[in-house]
Each structure stands twice: as structure tokens, then as C-alpha cells.
Amino acid sequence: MLLFIQLLINNLEKYENNLEKKEKKEKYENKINYGPIKTMYLYMLGYSPNIYYKWTLTDNIILAFLYIVTFIISIYAAYLSYSCTWSDTFKNPFIRVVFAFIAFMLGPVYLVWYLLINYLGGLC
């Protein structure tokens, strides 16, 4: 009976060790998908986003700041889009709201468009 218990304990230890090894292997072999802002942040720090990165408190604070900045940029793009009437072509508020929503979703891309087409082109 004692021999059976010892054998059972040995098998359980081997099973636990195999599980730990498997979890570590999956942790480093599986491709990790971060969002676009986290990926850019990791590239700026010189890390590869394909490898697991241990996030610290400072990293989370910086990421929260980056998310807030991108949200403000998107709000500003939506404001510029809504305030522009394209030389009184679009006076309908519904169409302007639709364009403002598209500008909000595109964010910085719309700001470049606004600079090149609307501001330099003299449409707004």
C-alpha cells in the first residue's frame, strides 16, 4: 500500500512538472497580439511585440496617456470636420454629423486630409 501511494505521488509530481513546462512553452511560443497603440509603444522602447512583455505600472500610465491623447486628436478631427461646410456645399447637419463620425474614426489620417485638401485648398 505504501509503495502504491509513493508511486501515485511521483506520477502527480511528473504531471505537475509537465503542465508547468507546457504553460511556459505556450507562453513564449504563441503569438501575442497587442493593440496598435501598445505595438507602437513596444517598438518605441525597442521591444518586439511578438514576444511576451511584462507590463509595469509606468508602462500602463504611459499607455493611458497615449489613449487619452489619441481620443483628444479624434475629437478635434471630428470638430474640424463638423465645422467645415466645404464652401457652403454641405449645410445639412445630418451629412456633417456623418462626416464628423468618419473623421472621428480616422483621427490623425483625417487631420492630414484636412491640412492638404481643406486648409491649403481653401475649402474651409
C-alpha atoms as a PDB file:
ATOM      1  CA  MET A   1       0.000   0.000   0.000  1.00  0.00           C
ATOM      2  CA  LEU A   2       2.816   2.394   0.879  1.00  0.00           C
ATOM      3  CA  LEU A   3       4.522   1.615  -2.422  1.00  0.00           C
ATOM      4  CA  PHE A   4       1.309   2.454  -4.313  1.00  0.00           C
ATOM      5  CA  ILE A   5       0.993   5.835  -2.563  1.00  0.00           C
ATOM      6  CA  GLN A   6       4.640   6.656  -3.335  1.00  0.00           C
ATOM      7  CA  LEU A   7       4.102   5.743  -6.997  1.00  0.00           C
ATOM      8  CA  LEU A   8       0.977   7.915  -7.136  1.00  0.00           C
ATOM      9  CA  ILE A   9       2.832  10.905  -5.640  1.00  0.00           C
ATOM     10  CA  ASN A  10       5.679  10.512  -8.167  1.00  0.00           C
ATOM     11  CA  ASN A  11       3.237  10.428 -11.077  1.00  0.00           C
ATOM     12  CA  LEU A  12       1.429  13.524  -9.800  1.00  0.00           C
ATOM     13  CA  GLU A  13       4.730  15.421  -9.496  1.00  0.00           C
ATOM     14  CA  LYS A  14       5.693  14.447 -13.053  1.00  0.00           C
ATOM     15  CA  TYR A  15       2.273  15.567 -14.287  1.00  0.00           C
ATOM     16  CA  GLU A  16       2.593  18.936 -12.496  1.00  0.00           C
ATOM     17  CA  ASN A  17       6.097  19.456 -13.909  1.00  0.00           C
ATOM     18  CA  ASN A  18       4.862  18.664 -17.417  1.00  0.00           C
ATOM     19  CA  LEU A  19       1.995  21.144 -17.008  1.00  0.00           C
ATOM     20  CA  GLU A  20       4.376  23.892 -15.856  1.00  0.00           C
ATOM     21  CA  LYS A  21       6.714  23.225 -18.780  1.00  0.00           C
ATOM     22  CA  LYS A  22       3.790  23.219 -21.203  1.00  0.00           C
ATOM     23  CA  GLU A  23       2.460  26.539 -19.832  1.00  0.00           C
ATOM     24  CA  LYS A  24       5.890  28.165 -20.107  1.00  0.00           C
ATOM     25  CA  LYS A  25       6.308  26.824 -23.635  1.00  0.00           C
ATOM     26  CA  GLU A  26       2.876  28.114 -24.717  1.00  0.00           C
ATOM     27  CA  LYS A  27       3.587  31.458 -23.108  1.00  0.00           C
ATOM     28  CA  TYR A  28       6.635  32.028 -25.307  1.00  0.00           C
ATOM     29  CA  GLU A  29       5.610  30.172 -28.471  1.00  0.00           C
ATOM     30  CA  ASN A  30       2.107  31.574 -29.000  1.00  0.00           C
ATOM     31  CA  LYS A  31       1.937  34.749 -30.995  1.00  0.00           C
ATOM     32  CA  ILE A  32       0.807  37.601 -28.802  1.00  0.00           C
ATOM     33  CA  ASN A  33      -1.468  40.210 -30.340  1.00  0.00           C
ATOM     34  CA  TYR A  34      -1.291  43.668 -28.845  1.00  0.00           C
ATOM     35  CA  GLY A  35      -3.383  46.622 -29.964  1.00  0.00           C
ATOM     36  CA  PRO A  36      -1.918  49.208 -32.335  1.00  0.00           C
ATOM     37  CA  ILE A  37      -1.000  51.680 -29.586  1.00  0.00           C
ATOM     38  CA  LYS A  38       0.659  49.008 -27.457  1.00  0.00           C
ATOM     39  CA  THR A  39       2.534  47.735 -30.512  1.00  0.00           C
ATOM     40  CA  MET A  40       3.823  51.226 -31.338  1.00  0.00           C
ATOM     41  CA  TYR A  41       4.817  51.720 -27.699  1.00  0.00           C
ATOM     42  CA  LEU A  42       6.793  48.465 -27.690  1.00  0.00           C
ATOM     43  CA  TYR A  43       8.527  49.413 -30.946  1.00  0.00           C
ATOM     44  CA  MET A  44       9.447  52.813 -29.463  1.00  0.00           C
ATOM     45  CA  LEU A  45      11.010  51.038 -26.488  1.00  0.00           C
ATOM     46  CA  GLY A  46      12.933  48.706 -28.793  1.00  0.00           C
ATOM     47  CA  TYR A  47      10.993  45.526 -27.997  1.00  0.00           C
ATOM     48  CA  SER A  48       9.398  43.110 -30.399  1.00  0.00           C
ATOM     49  CA  PRO A  49       5.613  42.917 -29.964  1.00  0.00           C
ATOM     50  CA  ASN A  50       5.746  39.220 -30.931  1.00  0.00           C
ATOM     51  CA  ILE A  51       7.403  38.327 -27.630  1.00  0.00           C
ATOM     52  CA  TYR A  52       5.714  38.443 -24.232  1.00  0.00           C
ATOM     53  CA  TYR A  53       6.327  41.751 -22.435  1.00  0.00           C
ATOM     54  CA  LYS A  54       5.780  42.202 -18.706  1.00  0.00           C
ATOM     55  CA  TRP A  55       3.880  45.482 -18.292  1.00  0.00           C
ATOM     56  CA  THR A  56       4.841  47.672 -15.343  1.00  0.00           C
ATOM     57  CA  LEU A  57       2.904  50.458 -13.657  1.00  0.00           C
ATOM     58  CA  THR A  58       4.867  53.097 -15.567  1.00  0.00           C
ATOM     59  CA  ASP A  59       4.052  51.399 -18.868  1.00  0.00           C
ATOM     60  CA  ASN A  60       0.346  51.367 -18.011  1.00  0.00           C
ATOM     61  CA  ILE A  61       0.402  55.059 -17.081  1.00  0.00           C
ATOM     62  CA  ILE A  62       2.125  55.983 -20.348  1.00  0.00           C
ATOM     63  CA  LEU A  63      -0.340  53.840 -22.320  1.00  0.00           C
ATOM     64  CA  ALA A  64      -3.293  55.509 -20.593  1.00  0.00           C
ATOM     65  CA  PHE A  65      -1.807  58.886 -21.527  1.00  0.00           C
ATOM     66  CA  LEU A  66      -1.395  57.749 -25.163  1.00  0.00           C
ATOM     67  CA  TYR A  67      -5.015  56.561 -25.295  1.00  0.00           C
ATOM     68  CA  ILE A  68      -6.202  59.917 -23.922  1.00  0.00           C
ATOM     69  CA  VAL A  69      -4.101  61.815 -26.497  1.00  0.00           C
ATOM     70  CA  THR A  70      -5.463  59.742 -29.392  1.00  0.00           C
ATOM     71  CA  PHE A  71      -9.012  60.293 -28.131  1.00  0.00           C
ATOM     72  CA  ILE A  72      -8.435  64.067 -27.989  1.00  0.00           C
ATOM     73  CA  ILE A  73      -6.985  64.015 -31.511  1.00  0.00           C
ATOM     74  CA  SER A  74     -10.056  62.134 -32.752  1.00  0.00           C
ATOM     75  CA  ILE A  75     -12.416  64.591 -31.041  1.00  0.00           C
ATOM     76  CA  TYR A  76     -10.547  67.507 -32.627  1.00  0.00           C
ATOM     77  CA  ALA A  77     -10.741  65.863 -36.061  1.00  0.00           C
ATOM     78  CA  ALA A  78     -14.493  65.390 -35.636  1.00  0.00           C
ATOM     79  CA  TYR A  79     -14.874  69.033 -34.574  1.00  0.00           C
ATOM     80  CA  LEU A  80     -12.934  70.271 -37.616  1.00  0.00           C
ATOM     81  CA  SER A  81     -14.990  68.074 -39.909  1.00  0.00           C
ATOM     82  CA  TYR A  82     -18.300  69.257 -38.462  1.00  0.00           C
ATOM     83  CA  SER A  83     -17.313  72.915 -38.582  1.00  0.00           C
ATOM     84  CA  CYS A  84     -16.257  72.695 -42.230  1.00  0.00           C
ATOM     85  CA  THR A  85     -19.075  73.188 -44.754  1.00  0.00           C
ATOM     86  CA  TRP A  86     -16.917  72.874 -47.888  1.00  0.00           C
ATOM     87  CA  SER A  87     -17.647  76.385 -49.092  1.00  0.00           C
ATOM     88  CA  ASP A  88     -21.339  76.064 -48.153  1.00  0.00           C
ATOM     89  CA  THR A  89     -21.787  72.841 -50.131  1.00  0.00           C
ATOM     90  CA  PHE A  90     -22.841  70.771 -47.096  1.00  0.00           C
ATOM     91  CA  LYS A  91     -25.285  72.745 -44.965  1.00  0.00           C
ATOM     92  CA  ASN A  92     -27.319  69.703 -43.920  1.00  0.00           C
ATOM     93  CA  PRO A  93     -26.416  68.860 -40.281  1.00  0.00           C
ATOM     94  CA  PHE A  94     -27.000  65.124 -40.796  1.00  0.00           C
ATOM     95  CA  ILE A  95     -24.360  64.910 -43.535  1.00  0.00           C
ATOM     96  CA  ARG A  96     -21.977  66.947 -41.414  1.00  0.00           C
ATOM     97  CA  VAL A  97     -22.505  64.559 -38.471  1.00  0.00           C
ATOM     98  CA  VAL A  98     -21.772  61.577 -40.728  1.00  0.00           C
ATOM     99  CA  PHE A  99     -18.556  63.220 -41.936  1.00  0.00           C
ATOM    100  CA  ALA A 100     -17.673  64.088 -38.324  1.00  0.00           C
ATOM    101  CA  PHE A 101     -18.121  60.450 -37.321  1.00  0.00           C
ATOM    102  CA  ILE A 102     -15.865  59.313 -40.162  1.00  0.00           C
ATOM    103  CA  ALA A 103     -13.293  61.919 -39.134  1.00  0.00           C
ATOM    104  CA  PHE A 104     -13.508  60.696 -35.520  1.00  0.00           C
ATOM    105  CA  MET A 105     -12.830  57.128 -36.612  1.00  0.00           C
ATOM    106  CA  LEU A 106      -9.900  58.099 -38.843  1.00  0.00           C
ATOM    107  CA  GLY A 107      -8.402  60.607 -36.387  1.00  0.00           C
ATOM    108  CA  PRO A 108      -4.869  61.600 -37.464  1.00  0.00           C
ATOM    109  CA  VAL A 109      -5.464  60.473 -41.057  1.00  0.00           C
ATOM    110  CA  TYR A 110      -8.320  62.966 -41.342  1.00  0.00           C
ATOM    111  CA  LEU A 111      -6.119  65.733 -39.901  1.00  0.00           C
ATOM    112  CA  VAL A 112      -3.626  65.187 -42.725  1.00  0.00           C
ATOM    113  CA  TRP A 113      -6.525  65.223 -45.215  1.00  0.00           C
ATOM    114  CA  TYR A 114      -7.856  68.407 -43.634  1.00  0.00           C
ATOM    115  CA  LEU A 115      -4.477  70.109 -43.894  1.00  0.00           C
ATOM    116  CA  LEU A 116      -3.864  69.147 -47.514  1.00  0.00           C
ATOM    117  CA  ILE A 117      -7.335  69.436 -49.021  1.00  0.00           C
ATOM    118  CA  ASN A 118      -9.448  71.665 -46.828  1.00  0.00           C
ATOM    119  CA  TYR A 119      -6.987  74.130 -45.321  1.00  0.00           C
ATOM    120  CA  LEU A 120      -4.457  74.504 -48.141  1.00  0.00           C
ATOM    121  CA  GLY A 121      -7.165  74.081 -50.775  1.00  0.00           C
ATOM    122  CA  GLY A 122      -9.218  76.856 -49.202  1.00  0.00           C
ATOM    123  CA  LEU A 123     -12.418  74.851 -48.846  1.00  0.00           C
ATOM    124  CA  CYS A 124     -12.943  75.617 -45.160  1.00  0.00           C
END
